[in-house]
Amino acid sequence: MRAEELKGHLDALLLATLEGGPRHGYAVIEALRQSTGGRLDLPTGTIYPALRRLEQAGLIAGTWSVVGGRRRREYQLTPAGVRALSGRRAAWRDFSDIVTSALETPNLENGACPSPSPA
C-alpha cells in the first residue's frame, strides 16, 4: 500500500503501534509491517516525519538512548495520545461502517433514482 493512500489514517496507525509500549522508529516500521502481514511497508521518509509531528502535538514523547554505541529515539504514548487513539478508533469504526454500508447496499432496481419527496 502506498503512503498517500493512508492520508488521514497514518497517525492513528502509529499511535496504535505504540500502544503496547515504547518503540524506536525502526521498530515502529517493523511492527506496522508485521501487524499487517507485510501489506503495509512504509518508508522511513513517511514514518519519521509523522512521529515528529505526533511528538510536537504532544501525543507521543520521545527520548534518546544509546544502544550498541548508536543513538536512537524511542517513542511512547502520552496520556493525550491514549485519548487521541481512543477517539480515532471510534471515528474509524464509524467511517468504516458508513463505507461498508454504501459499498454493500444493492443498487436500485433498473438503476432508477428514487423520486424526490414532495416538499
Protein backbone atom coordinates (compact mmCIF):
# COMPACT_ATOMS: atom_id res chain seq x y z
CA MET A 1 0.00 0.00 0.00
CA ARG A 2 1.29 3.43 -0.89
CA ALA A 3 1.81 6.08 1.79
CA GLU A 4 -0.52 8.55 0.04
CA GLU A 5 -3.38 6.07 0.44
CA LEU A 6 -3.01 6.39 4.21
CA LYS A 7 -3.61 10.13 4.44
CA GLY A 8 -5.68 10.81 7.49
CA HIS A 9 -5.01 7.36 8.97
CA LEU A 10 -1.25 7.20 9.45
CA ASP A 11 -1.28 8.99 12.81
CA ALA A 12 -3.82 6.53 14.23
CA LEU A 13 -1.76 3.60 12.96
CA LEU A 14 1.38 4.97 14.61
CA LEU A 15 -0.43 5.64 17.89
CA ALA A 16 -1.82 2.09 17.87
CA THR A 17 1.66 0.70 17.22
CA LEU A 18 2.93 2.47 20.33
CA GLU A 19 0.04 1.30 22.49
CA GLY A 20 1.95 -1.82 23.51
CA GLY A 21 4.86 0.19 24.88
CA PRO A 22 7.81 2.31 23.78
CA ARG A 23 9.48 1.60 20.43
CA HIS A 24 12.23 3.22 18.44
CA GLY A 25 11.50 4.39 14.89
CA TYR A 26 12.60 1.30 13.02
CA ALA A 27 10.70 -0.93 15.49
CA VAL A 28 7.55 1.11 14.72
CA ILE A 29 8.04 0.42 11.00
CA GLU A 30 8.61 -3.28 11.67
CA ALA A 31 5.56 -3.51 13.97
CA LEU A 32 3.36 -1.96 11.26
CA ARG A 33 4.76 -4.40 8.73
CA GLN A 34 4.18 -7.41 10.98
CA SER A 35 0.71 -6.39 12.15
CA THR A 36 -0.44 -6.08 8.53
CA GLY A 37 1.19 -9.25 7.24
CA GLY A 38 3.64 -7.20 5.20
CA ARG A 39 0.92 -5.30 3.33
CA LEU A 40 1.91 -2.05 5.00
CA ASP A 41 5.61 -1.46 4.45
CA LEU A 42 6.18 2.27 4.75
CA PRO A 43 9.49 4.04 4.17
CA THR A 44 11.35 5.92 6.88
CA GLY A 45 10.64 9.12 4.95
CA THR A 46 6.97 8.65 5.77
CA ILE A 47 7.25 7.37 9.33
CA TYR A 48 9.83 9.69 10.90
CA PRO A 49 8.16 12.98 9.91
CA ALA A 50 4.86 11.61 11.22
CA LEU A 51 6.49 10.62 14.51
CA ARG A 52 7.96 14.12 14.83
CA ARG A 53 4.54 15.65 14.11
CA LEU A 54 2.89 13.46 16.77
CA GLU A 55 5.61 14.40 19.23
CA GLN A 56 5.14 18.11 18.56
CA ALA A 57 1.39 17.65 19.08
CA GLY A 58 2.07 16.10 22.50
CA LEU A 59 0.56 12.73 21.55
CA ILE A 60 3.84 10.85 21.92
CA ALA A 61 7.03 11.55 23.83
CA GLY A 62 10.48 10.77 22.52
CA THR A 63 13.66 10.12 24.44
CA TRP A 64 17.17 9.45 23.18
CA SER A 65 19.07 6.34 24.16
CA VAL A 66 22.29 4.66 23.10
CA VAL A 67 22.15 1.02 22.09
CA GLY A 68 25.23 -0.75 20.81
CA GLY A 69 27.02 2.58 20.50
CA ARG A 70 24.25 4.02 18.30
CA ARG A 71 21.85 6.76 19.30
CA ARG A 72 18.20 6.13 18.68
CA ARG A 73 14.98 7.87 19.60
CA GLU A 74 12.39 5.86 21.43
CA TYR A 75 8.74 6.94 21.37
CA GLN A 76 5.87 6.24 23.73
CA LEU A 77 2.25 7.34 24.03
CA THR A 78 1.40 10.23 26.32
CA PRO A 79 -1.93 10.39 28.15
CA ALA A 80 -3.13 12.75 25.40
CA GLY A 81 -2.01 10.15 22.85
CA VAL A 82 -4.03 7.44 24.58
CA ARG A 83 -7.13 9.66 24.44
CA ALA A 84 -6.47 10.57 20.81
CA LEU A 85 -6.09 6.91 19.87
CA SER A 86 -9.40 6.07 21.50
CA GLY A 87 -11.12 8.86 19.59
CA ARG A 88 -9.52 7.92 16.29
CA ARG A 89 -10.52 4.28 16.73
CA ALA A 90 -14.13 5.33 17.29
CA ALA A 91 -14.01 7.65 14.26
CA TRP A 92 -12.51 4.84 12.15
CA ARG A 93 -15.26 2.41 13.19
CA ASP A 94 -17.93 4.97 12.23
CA PHE A 95 -16.24 5.73 8.91
CA SER A 96 -15.72 2.04 8.15
CA ASP A 97 -19.37 1.25 8.94
CA ILE A 98 -20.56 4.03 6.63
CA VAL A 99 -18.34 2.99 3.74
CA THR A 100 -19.18 -0.70 4.21
CA SER A 101 -22.89 0.11 4.17
CA ALA A 102 -22.53 2.14 0.99
CA LEU A 103 -20.45 -0.50 -0.77
CA GLU A 104 -22.67 -3.39 0.23
CA THR A 105 -26.06 -1.77 -0.41
CA PRO A 106 -27.62 -3.29 -3.52
CA ASN A 107 -28.22 -0.96 -6.46
CA LEU A 108 -31.74 0.28 -7.02
CA GLU A 109 -33.79 -1.74 -9.48
CA ASN A 110 -33.07 -0.84 -13.09
CA GLY A 111 -30.67 1.84 -11.93
CA ALA A 112 -33.56 4.22 -11.39
CA CYS A 113 -33.24 7.01 -8.89
CA PRO A 114 -35.99 7.40 -6.33
CA SER A 115 -38.43 10.20 -6.96
CA PRO A 116 -37.87 13.23 -4.78
CA SER A 117 -40.34 13.64 -1.97
CA PRO A 118 -42.79 16.49 -2.43
CA ALA A 119 -41.88 19.43 -0.29
